[in-house]
Amino acid sequence: MPIIASAKKRVRTARKATVRNSKTKRSLKGALKVFDKSPSGKSISDAQSQIDRAAKKGVIHKNKAARLKSQAAKKAKAAGVKSTKSIKKAAPAKKATAKKSTAKKK
């Protein structure tokens, strides 16, 4: 056990981070297992979301996150599933605005 106050604080901080990281890892693994078991639009978007969250928090490396997302997309494509994120809604048409008429000098 450390004696110095800053080292004690570092131990407490590391313990909290370990718990937080393990929760993130567990949710990531769970989402990937659900997707592997039954690929669907909802499961792939959830898996990709968990991958992004883990990469953002620094639990996994960004290149690993990119690799996992690529593999998941490949599996989804083979299963004939489209991600709900990749389906874009049509943008509403913009209304034509009337131009202001300017007074012309005679």
Protein backbone atom coordinates (compact mmCIF):
# COMPACT_ATOMS: atom_id res chain seq x y z
CA MET A 1 0.00 0.00 0.00
CA PRO A 2 1.40 3.41 -0.92
CA ILE A 3 2.32 5.92 1.76
CA ILE A 4 2.36 9.16 -0.25
CA ALA A 5 -1.02 10.91 -0.61
CA SER A 6 -0.77 11.36 -4.37
CA ALA A 7 0.02 7.66 -4.81
CA LYS A 8 -3.00 6.77 -2.66
CA LYS A 9 -5.19 8.95 -4.84
CA ARG A 10 -3.72 7.32 -7.95
CA VAL A 11 -4.70 3.89 -6.59
CA ARG A 12 -8.28 5.07 -6.01
CA THR A 13 -8.46 6.62 -9.46
CA ALA A 14 -7.05 3.51 -11.12
CA ARG A 15 -9.59 1.34 -9.31
CA LYS A 16 -12.47 3.49 -10.57
CA ALA A 17 -11.08 3.46 -14.11
CA THR A 18 -10.70 -0.32 -14.01
CA VAL A 19 -14.36 -0.75 -13.09
CA ARG A 20 -15.45 1.71 -15.79
CA ASN A 21 -13.28 0.04 -18.45
CA SER A 22 -14.46 -3.45 -17.53
CA LYS A 23 -18.10 -2.36 -17.88
CA THR A 24 -17.36 -0.91 -21.31
CA LYS A 25 -15.54 -4.07 -22.40
CA ARG A 26 -18.36 -6.27 -21.12
CA SER A 27 -21.03 -4.29 -22.99
CA LEU A 28 -18.88 -4.38 -26.14
CA LYS A 29 -18.45 -8.15 -25.95
CA GLY A 30 -22.16 -8.61 -25.29
CA ALA A 31 -23.18 -6.50 -28.28
CA LEU A 32 -20.78 -8.38 -30.56
CA LYS A 33 -22.10 -11.74 -29.33
CA VAL A 34 -25.71 -10.69 -29.94
CA PHE A 35 -24.78 -9.57 -33.46
CA ASP A 36 -22.89 -12.80 -34.21
CA LYS A 37 -25.79 -14.90 -32.96
CA SER A 38 -28.48 -13.17 -35.01
CA PRO A 39 -27.40 -10.42 -37.42
CA SER A 40 -30.06 -7.74 -37.78
CA GLY A 41 -30.19 -4.02 -38.45
CA LYS A 42 -30.67 -3.21 -34.77
CA SER A 43 -27.92 -5.55 -33.57
CA ILE A 44 -25.33 -4.23 -36.04
CA SER A 45 -26.07 -0.61 -35.18
CA ASP A 46 -25.84 -1.46 -31.46
CA ALA A 47 -22.54 -3.30 -32.02
CA GLN A 48 -21.09 -0.41 -34.00
CA SER A 49 -22.22 2.03 -31.33
CA GLN A 50 -20.52 0.00 -28.59
CA ILE A 51 -17.34 -0.27 -30.67
CA ASP A 52 -17.28 3.51 -31.17
CA ARG A 53 -17.91 4.12 -27.47
CA ALA A 54 -15.07 1.78 -26.42
CA ALA A 55 -12.67 3.43 -28.87
CA LYS A 56 -13.68 6.91 -27.69
CA LYS A 57 -13.04 5.98 -24.06
CA GLY A 58 -9.66 4.47 -24.96
CA VAL A 59 -10.60 0.93 -23.94
CA ILE A 60 -9.68 -0.36 -27.41
CA HIS A 61 -7.38 1.14 -30.01
CA LYS A 62 -8.96 3.14 -32.84
CA ASN A 63 -7.53 0.80 -35.48
CA LYS A 64 -8.99 -2.20 -33.67
CA ALA A 65 -12.33 -0.42 -33.59
CA ALA A 66 -12.14 0.18 -37.34
CA ARG A 67 -11.24 -3.46 -37.92
CA LEU A 68 -14.12 -4.73 -35.76
CA LYS A 69 -16.61 -2.45 -37.52
CA SER A 70 -15.35 -3.60 -40.91
CA GLN A 71 -15.68 -7.26 -39.94
CA ALA A 72 -19.18 -6.67 -38.58
CA ALA A 73 -20.21 -4.88 -41.79
CA LYS A 74 -18.85 -7.76 -43.86
CA LYS A 75 -20.84 -10.29 -41.80
CA ALA A 76 -23.96 -8.16 -42.09
CA LYS A 77 -23.57 -7.87 -45.85
CA ALA A 78 -23.14 -11.65 -46.15
CA ALA A 79 -26.29 -12.11 -44.07
CA GLY A 80 -28.18 -9.57 -46.20
CA VAL A 81 -28.65 -7.07 -43.38
CA LYS A 82 -28.40 -3.32 -43.76
CA SER A 83 -27.47 -1.05 -40.89
CA THR A 84 -30.14 1.32 -39.69
CA LYS A 85 -27.54 4.09 -39.71
CA SER A 86 -26.67 3.57 -43.38
CA ILE A 87 -30.29 4.02 -44.47
CA LYS A 88 -30.78 7.74 -44.95
CA LYS A 89 -34.12 9.46 -45.09
CA ALA A 90 -34.91 11.68 -48.05
CA ALA A 91 -34.32 15.32 -47.25
CA PRO A 92 -37.47 17.43 -47.34
CA ALA A 93 -37.73 19.59 -50.44
CA LYS A 94 -36.97 23.25 -49.86
CA LYS A 95 -39.70 25.72 -50.68
CA ALA A 96 -38.94 28.28 -53.35
CA THR A 97 -38.73 31.73 -51.83
CA ALA A 98 -40.11 34.69 -53.75
CA LYS A 99 -37.52 37.29 -54.64
CA LYS A 100 -38.07 40.81 -53.49
CA SER A 101 -38.88 43.16 -56.27
CA THR A 102 -36.66 46.17 -56.32
CA ALA A 103 -37.92 49.57 -57.34
CA LYS A 104 -36.35 50.73 -60.56
CA LYS A 105 -35.48 54.34 -61.13
CA LYS A 106 -37.00 56.04 -64.13
